[in-house]
Each structure stands twice: as structure tokens, then as C-alpha cells.
């Protein structure tokens, strides 16, 4: 029973971490696109990515 609880908690924790990482990735992607748009998407901007 205790092992089941640990596994269940571990899966929930992994799911939460996965969701948080996914949200951060989406936010980072949007900010990068906005930053490139502000720079005018010049070749130097793409080279830095």
C-alpha cells in the first residue's frame, strides 16, 4: 500500500513538472518570437538563436 502511494505521488509529481516545463517552453517560445519581431527578424537575430 505504501509503495503504491509513493508510485502514485511520483507519477503526479512528474506530471506536474512536465506541465510546468511545457508552459515555460510555450512562454519562452512566444517571448522569443516577439523579440525577433521587434528586431525585424534580421539575419543577425536568427544567428543568435
C-alpha atoms as a PDB file:
ATOM      1  CA  UNK A   1       0.000   0.000   0.000  1.00  0.00           C
ATOM      2  CA  UNK A   2       2.801   2.385   0.897  1.00  0.00           C
ATOM      3  CA  UNK A   3       4.673   1.579  -2.323  1.00  0.00           C
ATOM      4  CA  UNK A   4       1.512   2.247  -4.347  1.00  0.00           C
ATOM      5  CA  UNK A   5       1.130   5.638  -2.671  1.00  0.00           C
ATOM      6  CA  UNK A   6       4.738   6.534  -3.463  1.00  0.00           C
ATOM      7  CA  UNK A   7       4.380   5.497  -7.110  1.00  0.00           C
ATOM      8  CA  UNK A   8       1.104   7.393  -7.428  1.00  0.00           C
ATOM      9  CA  UNK A   9       2.656  10.523  -5.908  1.00  0.00           C
ATOM     10  CA  UNK A  10       5.699  10.144  -8.141  1.00  0.00           C
ATOM     11  CA  UNK A  11       3.556   9.990 -11.261  1.00  0.00           C
ATOM     12  CA  UNK A  12       1.572  13.043 -10.160  1.00  0.00           C
ATOM     13  CA  UNK A  13       4.773  14.945  -9.402  1.00  0.00           C
ATOM     14  CA  UNK A  14       6.259  14.011 -12.774  1.00  0.00           C
ATOM     15  CA  UNK A  15       3.046  15.145 -14.460  1.00  0.00           C
ATOM     16  CA  UNK A  16       3.136  18.496 -12.662  1.00  0.00           C
ATOM     17  CA  UNK A  17       6.791  19.033 -13.556  1.00  0.00           C
ATOM     18  CA  UNK A  18       6.030  18.119 -17.173  1.00  0.00           C
ATOM     19  CA  UNK A  19       3.143  20.598 -17.319  1.00  0.00           C
ATOM     20  CA  UNK A  20       5.273  23.361 -15.760  1.00  0.00           C
ATOM     21  CA  UNK A  21       8.119  22.710 -18.213  1.00  0.00           C
ATOM     22  CA  UNK A  22       5.640  22.731 -21.127  1.00  0.00           C
ATOM     23  CA  UNK A  23       4.147  26.065 -20.014  1.00  0.00           C
ATOM     24  CA  UNK A  24       7.618  27.579 -19.592  1.00  0.00           C
ATOM     25  CA  UNK A  25       8.590  26.342 -23.062  1.00  0.00           C
ATOM     26  CA  UNK A  26       5.484  27.939 -24.613  1.00  0.00           C
ATOM     27  CA  UNK A  27       6.112  31.247 -22.814  1.00  0.00           C
ATOM     28  CA  UNK A  28       9.789  31.195 -23.825  1.00  0.00           C
ATOM     29  CA  UNK A  29       8.843  30.483 -27.453  1.00  0.00           C
ATOM     30  CA  UNK A  30       6.333  33.360 -27.531  1.00  0.00           C
ATOM     31  CA  UNK A  31       8.825  35.787 -25.970  1.00  0.00           C
ATOM     32  CA  UNK A  32      11.487  34.714 -28.481  1.00  0.00           C
ATOM     33  CA  UNK A  33       9.122  35.301 -31.407  1.00  0.00           C
ATOM     34  CA  UNK A  34       8.169  38.735 -30.022  1.00  0.00           C
ATOM     35  CA  UNK A  35      11.863  39.579 -29.511  1.00  0.00           C
ATOM     36  CA  UNK A  36      12.710  38.553 -33.075  1.00  0.00           C
ATOM     37  CA  UNK A  37       9.751  40.540 -34.420  1.00  0.00           C
ATOM     38  CA  UNK A  38      10.963  43.645 -32.557  1.00  0.00           C
ATOM     39  CA  UNK A  39      14.438  43.196 -34.060  1.00  0.00           C
ATOM     40  CA  UNK A  40      12.920  42.969 -37.523  1.00  0.00           C
ATOM     41  CA  UNK A  41      13.943  39.307 -37.956  1.00  0.00           C
ATOM     42  CA  UNK A  42      17.337  40.250 -39.384  1.00  0.00           C
ATOM     43  CA  UNK A  43      19.925  37.575 -40.178  1.00  0.00           C
ATOM     44  CA  UNK A  44      21.910  38.509 -37.066  1.00  0.00           C
ATOM     45  CA  UNK A  45      18.809  37.808 -34.946  1.00  0.00           C
ATOM     46  CA  UNK A  46      18.387  34.342 -36.424  1.00  0.00           C
ATOM     47  CA  UNK A  47      22.091  33.592 -35.970  1.00  0.00           C
ATOM     48  CA  UNK A  48      21.831  34.263 -32.210  1.00  0.00           C
ATOM     49  CA  UNK A  49      19.048  31.682 -31.919  1.00  0.00           C
END
